Amino acid sequence: MPFFLLQTFLLHEKRCKLKETFLERYFELKKRKTDTRAEIIAGVVTFMTMAYIIFVNPNLLSKGG
């Protein structure tokens, strides 16, 4: 591989590493083999589940006696 191609490749890799967001660096998402999108979806699903439990659970408990 010619030197200028190797140098271009290394510079591109360096720029890609710099493009990591604060969240990716802080929570080490690459190390945990996940990404920001997956974590946001997981957070929304968890929030929706908790909201459902907050509204349904009192109704179930009141019917149970």
N, C-alpha and C. Protein backbone atom coordinates (compact mmCIF):
# COMPACT_ATOMS: atom_id res chain seq x y z
N MET A 1 0.85 -1.18 0.00
CA MET A 1 0.00 0.00 0.00
C MET A 1 0.90 1.24 0.00
N PRO A 2 0.66 2.14 -0.95
CA PRO A 2 1.47 3.36 -0.97
C PRO A 2 1.30 4.18 0.31
N PHE A 3 2.33 4.93 0.63
CA PHE A 3 2.35 5.69 1.88
C PHE A 3 1.19 6.67 1.98
N PHE A 4 0.87 7.39 0.90
CA PHE A 4 -0.19 8.41 0.98
C PHE A 4 -1.56 7.77 1.23
N LEU A 5 -1.79 6.55 0.73
CA LEU A 5 -3.05 5.86 1.02
C LEU A 5 -3.11 5.46 2.49
N LEU A 6 -2.00 4.98 3.02
CA LEU A 6 -1.95 4.60 4.42
C LEU A 6 -2.18 5.82 5.31
N GLN A 7 -1.54 6.92 4.96
CA GLN A 7 -1.70 8.16 5.72
C GLN A 7 -3.15 8.65 5.66
N THR A 8 -3.79 8.59 4.50
CA THR A 8 -5.17 8.99 4.35
C THR A 8 -6.09 8.10 5.19
N PHE A 9 -5.82 6.81 5.17
CA PHE A 9 -6.62 5.87 5.96
C PHE A 9 -6.50 6.18 7.45
N LEU A 10 -5.28 6.42 7.92
CA LEU A 10 -5.07 6.71 9.34
C LEU A 10 -5.73 8.02 9.75
N LEU A 11 -5.68 9.03 8.88
CA LEU A 11 -6.34 10.30 9.18
C LEU A 11 -7.85 10.12 9.24
N HIS A 12 -8.39 9.32 8.33
CA HIS A 12 -9.83 9.07 8.33
C HIS A 12 -10.25 8.35 9.62
N GLU A 13 -9.46 7.38 10.05
CA GLU A 13 -9.76 6.67 11.30
C GLU A 13 -9.72 7.62 12.48
N LYS A 14 -8.76 8.52 12.47
CA LYS A 14 -8.61 9.48 13.56
C LYS A 14 -9.82 10.40 13.61
N ARG A 15 -10.28 10.87 12.44
CA ARG A 15 -11.47 11.74 12.39
C ARG A 15 -12.71 10.99 12.86
N CYS A 16 -12.83 9.73 12.49
CA CYS A 16 -14.00 8.94 12.90
C CYS A 16 -14.04 8.78 14.42
N LYS A 17 -12.88 8.62 15.03
CA LYS A 17 -12.84 8.50 16.48
C LYS A 17 -13.22 9.82 17.15
N LEU A 18 -12.89 10.93 16.52
CA LEU A 18 -13.22 12.23 17.08
C LEU A 18 -14.71 12.53 16.97
N LYS A 19 -15.43 11.84 16.08
CA LYS A 19 -16.84 12.11 15.88
C LYS A 19 -17.73 11.44 16.92
N GLU A 20 -17.15 10.72 17.86
CA GLU A 20 -17.95 10.10 18.90
C GLU A 20 -18.62 11.19 19.73
N THR A 21 -19.87 10.96 20.06
CA THR A 21 -20.59 11.94 20.85
C THR A 21 -20.20 11.84 22.31
N PHE A 22 -20.62 12.82 23.06
CA PHE A 22 -20.35 12.83 24.50
C PHE A 22 -20.92 11.56 25.15
N LEU A 23 -22.14 11.18 24.78
CA LEU A 23 -22.77 9.99 25.37
C LEU A 23 -21.98 8.73 25.05
N GLU A 24 -21.49 8.62 23.82
CA GLU A 24 -20.71 7.44 23.43
C GLU A 24 -19.42 7.35 24.23
N ARG A 25 -18.80 8.48 24.48
CA ARG A 25 -17.56 8.47 25.26
C ARG A 25 -17.85 8.24 26.74
N TYR A 26 -18.84 8.93 27.29
CA TYR A 26 -19.12 8.87 28.72
C TYR A 26 -19.57 7.47 29.15
N PHE A 27 -20.48 6.86 28.39
CA PHE A 27 -21.00 5.55 28.75
C PHE A 27 -20.26 4.39 28.08
N GLU A 28 -19.21 4.71 27.32
CA GLU A 28 -18.38 3.70 26.64
C GLU A 28 -19.25 2.73 25.84
N LEU A 29 -20.08 3.28 24.96
CA LEU A 29 -21.03 2.46 24.22
C LEU A 29 -20.36 1.49 23.26
N LYS A 30 -19.28 1.90 22.63
CA LYS A 30 -18.56 1.00 21.71
C LYS A 30 -18.02 -0.21 22.47
N LYS A 31 -17.49 0.03 23.64
CA LYS A 31 -16.94 -1.05 24.47
C LYS A 31 -18.03 -2.05 24.84
N ARG A 32 -19.25 -1.55 25.04
CA ARG A 32 -20.37 -2.40 25.42
C ARG A 32 -21.14 -2.93 24.20
N LYS A 33 -20.61 -2.67 23.02
CA LYS A 33 -21.18 -3.13 21.74
C LYS A 33 -22.63 -2.69 21.55
N THR A 34 -22.87 -1.40 21.76
CA THR A 34 -24.19 -0.82 21.53
C THR A 34 -24.00 0.57 20.93
N ASP A 35 -25.09 1.25 20.64
CA ASP A 35 -24.98 2.60 20.11
C ASP A 35 -26.06 3.48 20.74
N THR A 36 -25.99 4.76 20.44
CA THR A 36 -26.90 5.73 21.04
C THR A 36 -28.35 5.43 20.67
N ARG A 37 -28.60 5.06 19.44
CA ARG A 37 -29.96 4.78 18.99
C ARG A 37 -30.59 3.64 19.79
N ALA A 38 -29.87 2.56 19.98
CA ALA A 38 -30.39 1.42 20.73
C ALA A 38 -30.68 1.80 22.17
N GLU A 39 -29.82 2.61 22.76
CA GLU A 39 -30.02 3.01 24.15
C GLU A 39 -31.22 3.94 24.30
N ILE A 40 -31.43 4.82 23.32
CA ILE A 40 -32.59 5.71 23.38
C ILE A 40 -33.87 4.90 23.24
N ILE A 41 -33.89 3.95 22.32
CA ILE A 41 -35.07 3.09 22.16
C ILE A 41 -35.33 2.31 23.45
N ALA A 42 -34.30 1.78 24.05
CA ALA A 42 -34.46 1.04 25.31
C ALA A 42 -35.01 1.94 26.41
N GLY A 43 -34.55 3.17 26.46
CA GLY A 43 -35.05 4.12 27.46
C GLY A 43 -36.52 4.45 27.25
N VAL A 44 -36.93 4.64 26.00
CA VAL A 44 -38.33 4.93 25.69
C VAL A 44 -39.21 3.74 26.05
N VAL A 45 -38.78 2.54 25.71
CA VAL A 45 -39.56 1.34 26.04
C VAL A 45 -39.69 1.19 27.56
N THR A 46 -38.62 1.42 28.28
CA THR A 46 -38.67 1.33 29.74
C THR A 46 -39.63 2.38 30.31
N PHE A 47 -39.57 3.60 29.80
CA PHE A 47 -40.46 4.66 30.26
C PHE A 47 -41.92 4.30 30.00
N MET A 48 -42.21 3.80 28.80
CA MET A 48 -43.59 3.43 28.46
C MET A 48 -44.09 2.31 29.37
N THR A 49 -43.23 1.35 29.66
CA THR A 49 -43.61 0.24 30.56
C THR A 49 -43.92 0.76 31.95
N MET A 50 -43.08 1.63 32.47
CA MET A 50 -43.30 2.18 33.81
C MET A 50 -44.57 3.02 33.85
N ALA A 51 -44.82 3.80 32.82
CA ALA A 51 -46.03 4.61 32.76
C ALA A 51 -47.27 3.71 32.75
N TYR A 52 -47.22 2.63 32.04
CA TYR A 52 -48.32 1.67 31.99
C TYR A 52 -48.56 1.08 33.38
N ILE A 53 -47.50 0.68 34.05
CA ILE A 53 -47.63 0.08 35.38
C ILE A 53 -48.22 1.08 36.37
N ILE A 54 -47.79 2.34 36.29
CA ILE A 54 -48.30 3.36 37.22
C ILE A 54 -49.81 3.53 37.08
N PHE A 55 -50.35 3.45 35.88
CA PHE A 55 -51.78 3.65 35.68
C PHE A 55 -52.61 2.38 35.85
N VAL A 56 -52.06 1.23 35.55
CA VAL A 56 -52.82 -0.02 35.60
C VAL A 56 -52.76 -0.66 36.99
N ASN A 57 -51.64 -0.60 37.66
CA ASN A 57 -51.45 -1.29 38.94
C ASN A 57 -52.47 -0.86 40.02
N PRO A 58 -52.74 0.42 40.22
CA PRO A 58 -53.73 0.79 41.23
C PRO A 58 -55.11 0.19 40.93
N ASN A 59 -55.47 0.15 39.67
CA ASN A 59 -56.77 -0.42 39.28
C ASN A 59 -56.82 -1.91 39.61
N LEU A 60 -55.75 -2.62 39.35
CA LEU A 60 -55.71 -4.06 39.65
C LEU A 60 -55.75 -4.29 41.17
N LEU A 61 -55.04 -3.48 41.91
CA LEU A 61 -55.01 -3.65 43.36
C LEU A 61 -56.35 -3.33 44.00
N SER A 62 -57.06 -2.33 43.47
CA SER A 62 -58.37 -1.98 44.04
C SER A 62 -59.40 -3.09 43.79
N LYS A 63 -59.30 -3.79 42.67
CA LYS A 63 -60.22 -4.88 42.38
C LYS A 63 -59.89 -6.13 43.19
N GLY A 64 -58.66 -6.26 43.62
CA GLY A 64 -58.25 -7.45 44.36
C GLY A 64 -58.65 -7.41 45.83
N GLY A 65 -58.95 -6.26 46.33
CA GLY A 65 -59.44 -6.20 47.70
C GLY A 65 -58.41 -5.72 48.62
